[in-house]
Structure formats: structure tokens, C-alpha cells
């Protein structure tokens, strides 16, 4: 597993806060397979309404 993958999983689990190098590393890693790192969309389906980092 790549460092960026571990970082993303730790942030998603609430074990880390995305800061420093991770603020650049995680979005760049996600963008490599074609995801837009600047995309802003509302959650749909199973994710809709879930609380994440204190926000719904």
C-alpha cells in the first residue's frame, strides 16, 4: 500500500488530520487515476446524510 493510500485511510478513519505535505499528496494521488481533486459535489446514495469530520 502506498504512503498516500495509508494517509487517506487514516484521515477517513479520523486517526489523522490532513495537514502539511498531505494536503498536496492526497489530492494528487487521487487525481492520478482521473478523479478531479478540485471537484465539489454533494454526497449521493449511501454517503448522503453521513457525518464526516463533524459535518453532514
N, C-alpha and C. Protein backbone atom coordinates (compact mmCIF):
# COMPACT_ATOMS: atom_id res chain seq x y z
N UNK A 1 0.85 -1.17 0.00
CA UNK A 1 0.00 0.00 0.00
C UNK A 1 0.90 1.24 0.00
N UNK A 2 0.57 2.18 -0.83
CA UNK A 2 1.35 3.42 -0.93
C UNK A 2 1.14 4.30 0.29
N UNK A 3 2.10 5.16 0.56
CA UNK A 3 2.01 6.10 1.68
C UNK A 3 0.75 6.95 1.58
N UNK A 4 0.44 7.42 0.37
CA UNK A 4 -0.75 8.26 0.19
C UNK A 4 -2.02 7.48 0.52
N UNK A 5 -2.06 6.19 0.16
CA UNK A 5 -3.22 5.36 0.49
C UNK A 5 -3.39 5.25 2.01
N UNK A 6 -2.29 5.01 2.71
CA UNK A 6 -2.35 4.90 4.18
C UNK A 6 -2.79 6.23 4.79
N UNK A 7 -2.29 7.32 4.25
CA UNK A 7 -2.66 8.64 4.74
C UNK A 7 -4.16 8.88 4.56
N UNK A 8 -4.68 8.58 3.39
CA UNK A 8 -6.10 8.79 3.11
C UNK A 8 -6.96 7.92 4.03
N UNK A 9 -6.57 6.67 4.24
CA UNK A 9 -7.33 5.78 5.13
C UNK A 9 -7.30 6.29 6.57
N UNK A 10 -6.15 6.79 7.03
CA UNK A 10 -6.04 7.31 8.39
C UNK A 10 -6.91 8.55 8.57
N UNK A 11 -6.94 9.42 7.58
CA UNK A 11 -7.79 10.62 7.65
C UNK A 11 -9.26 10.21 7.66
N UNK A 12 -9.63 9.28 6.78
CA UNK A 12 -11.02 8.82 6.71
C UNK A 12 -11.47 8.17 8.01
N UNK A 13 -10.56 7.50 8.71
CA UNK A 13 -10.88 6.84 9.98
C UNK A 13 -10.87 7.80 11.16
N UNK A 14 -10.43 9.03 10.92
CA UNK A 14 -10.37 10.02 11.99
C UNK A 14 -9.11 9.91 12.84
N UNK A 15 -8.16 9.12 12.39
CA UNK A 15 -6.92 8.93 13.14
C UNK A 15 -5.90 10.02 12.88
N UNK A 16 -6.06 10.76 11.79
CA UNK A 16 -5.14 11.85 11.44
C UNK A 16 -5.92 13.00 10.87
N UNK A 17 -5.31 14.16 10.92
CA UNK A 17 -5.85 15.35 10.28
C UNK A 17 -4.97 15.62 9.07
N UNK A 18 -5.58 15.92 7.96
CA UNK A 18 -4.84 16.19 6.74
C UNK A 18 -4.19 17.56 6.85
N UNK A 19 -2.86 17.58 6.89
CA UNK A 19 -2.11 18.83 7.04
C UNK A 19 -0.74 18.66 6.40
N UNK A 20 -0.02 19.75 6.27
CA UNK A 20 1.34 19.72 5.74
C UNK A 20 1.42 19.13 4.35
N UNK A 21 2.37 18.24 4.14
CA UNK A 21 2.57 17.60 2.83
C UNK A 21 1.34 16.84 2.38
N UNK A 22 0.61 16.29 3.32
CA UNK A 22 -0.58 15.51 2.98
C UNK A 22 -1.64 16.31 2.25
N UNK A 23 -1.66 17.63 2.50
CA UNK A 23 -2.62 18.49 1.81
C UNK A 23 -2.38 18.51 0.31
N UNK A 24 -1.17 18.22 -0.11
CA UNK A 24 -0.84 18.17 -1.54
C UNK A 24 -0.78 16.73 -2.03
N UNK A 25 -0.24 15.85 -1.19
CA UNK A 25 -0.02 14.46 -1.58
C UNK A 25 -1.33 13.71 -1.82
N UNK A 26 -2.29 13.83 -0.92
CA UNK A 26 -3.54 13.08 -1.05
C UNK A 26 -4.33 13.48 -2.30
N UNK A 27 -4.59 14.77 -2.54
CA UNK A 27 -5.33 15.13 -3.76
C UNK A 27 -4.59 14.75 -5.05
N UNK A 28 -3.28 14.88 -5.06
CA UNK A 28 -2.51 14.50 -6.26
C UNK A 28 -2.63 13.00 -6.51
N UNK A 29 -2.59 12.22 -5.43
CA UNK A 29 -2.71 10.77 -5.55
C UNK A 29 -4.09 10.38 -6.09
N UNK A 30 -5.12 11.02 -5.57
CA UNK A 30 -6.49 10.74 -6.01
C UNK A 30 -6.68 11.17 -7.47
N UNK A 31 -6.01 12.25 -7.87
CA UNK A 31 -6.17 12.76 -9.24
C UNK A 31 -5.50 11.88 -10.29
N UNK A 32 -4.51 11.10 -9.91
CA UNK A 32 -3.78 10.28 -10.89
C UNK A 32 -4.68 9.38 -11.73
N UNK A 33 -5.64 8.66 -11.13
CA UNK A 33 -6.47 7.78 -11.97
C UNK A 33 -7.59 8.53 -12.69
N UNK A 34 -7.63 9.85 -12.57
CA UNK A 34 -8.61 10.61 -13.33
C UNK A 34 -9.66 11.32 -12.51
N UNK A 35 -9.60 11.22 -11.17
CA UNK A 35 -10.54 11.95 -10.34
C UNK A 35 -10.12 13.41 -10.28
N UNK A 36 -11.06 14.31 -10.33
CA UNK A 36 -10.77 15.73 -10.25
C UNK A 36 -10.55 16.12 -8.79
N UNK A 37 -9.32 16.52 -8.40
CA UNK A 37 -9.06 16.85 -7.00
C UNK A 37 -9.77 18.13 -6.56
N UNK A 38 -10.27 18.91 -7.50
CA UNK A 38 -10.96 20.15 -7.16
C UNK A 38 -12.48 20.02 -7.23
N UNK A 39 -12.97 18.81 -7.46
CA UNK A 39 -14.41 18.61 -7.59
C UNK A 39 -15.12 18.90 -6.27
N UNK A 40 -16.22 19.56 -6.38
CA UNK A 40 -17.06 19.85 -5.21
C UNK A 40 -18.47 19.36 -5.54
N UNK A 41 -18.85 18.26 -4.92
CA UNK A 41 -20.17 17.69 -5.17
C UNK A 41 -20.79 17.28 -3.85
N UNK A 42 -22.10 17.23 -3.84
CA UNK A 42 -22.82 16.72 -2.68
C UNK A 42 -22.74 15.21 -2.71
N UNK A 43 -22.69 14.60 -1.54
CA UNK A 43 -22.70 13.14 -1.44
C UNK A 43 -24.04 12.60 -1.91
N UNK A 44 -23.98 11.44 -2.56
CA UNK A 44 -25.20 10.79 -3.05
C UNK A 44 -25.26 9.37 -2.51
N UNK A 45 -26.39 8.77 -2.66
CA UNK A 45 -26.56 7.36 -2.31
C UNK A 45 -26.26 7.06 -0.86
N UNK A 46 -25.44 6.05 -0.64
CA UNK A 46 -25.14 5.58 0.72
C UNK A 46 -24.42 6.63 1.58
N UNK A 47 -23.72 7.57 0.95
CA UNK A 47 -22.97 8.57 1.71
C UNK A 47 -23.83 9.76 2.14
N UNK A 48 -24.95 9.96 1.49
CA UNK A 48 -25.81 11.11 1.79
C UNK A 48 -26.26 11.06 3.24
N UNK A 49 -26.06 12.15 3.95
CA UNK A 49 -26.52 12.26 5.33
C UNK A 49 -25.56 11.74 6.39
N UNK A 50 -24.45 11.14 6.01
CA UNK A 50 -23.49 10.66 6.99
C UNK A 50 -22.66 11.82 7.54
N UNK A 51 -22.30 11.74 8.80
CA UNK A 51 -21.47 12.76 9.42
C UNK A 51 -20.01 12.40 9.19
N UNK A 52 -19.23 13.37 8.71
CA UNK A 52 -17.80 13.19 8.50
C UNK A 52 -17.10 14.46 8.92
N UNK A 53 -16.14 14.34 9.80
CA UNK A 53 -15.40 15.46 10.37
C UNK A 53 -16.36 16.52 10.92
N UNK A 54 -17.41 16.06 11.57
CA UNK A 54 -18.35 16.97 12.22
C UNK A 54 -19.33 17.65 11.29
N UNK A 55 -19.32 17.27 10.02
CA UNK A 55 -20.24 17.89 9.05
C UNK A 55 -21.08 16.81 8.40
N UNK A 56 -22.29 17.21 7.98
CA UNK A 56 -23.18 16.28 7.30
C UNK A 56 -23.09 16.54 5.81
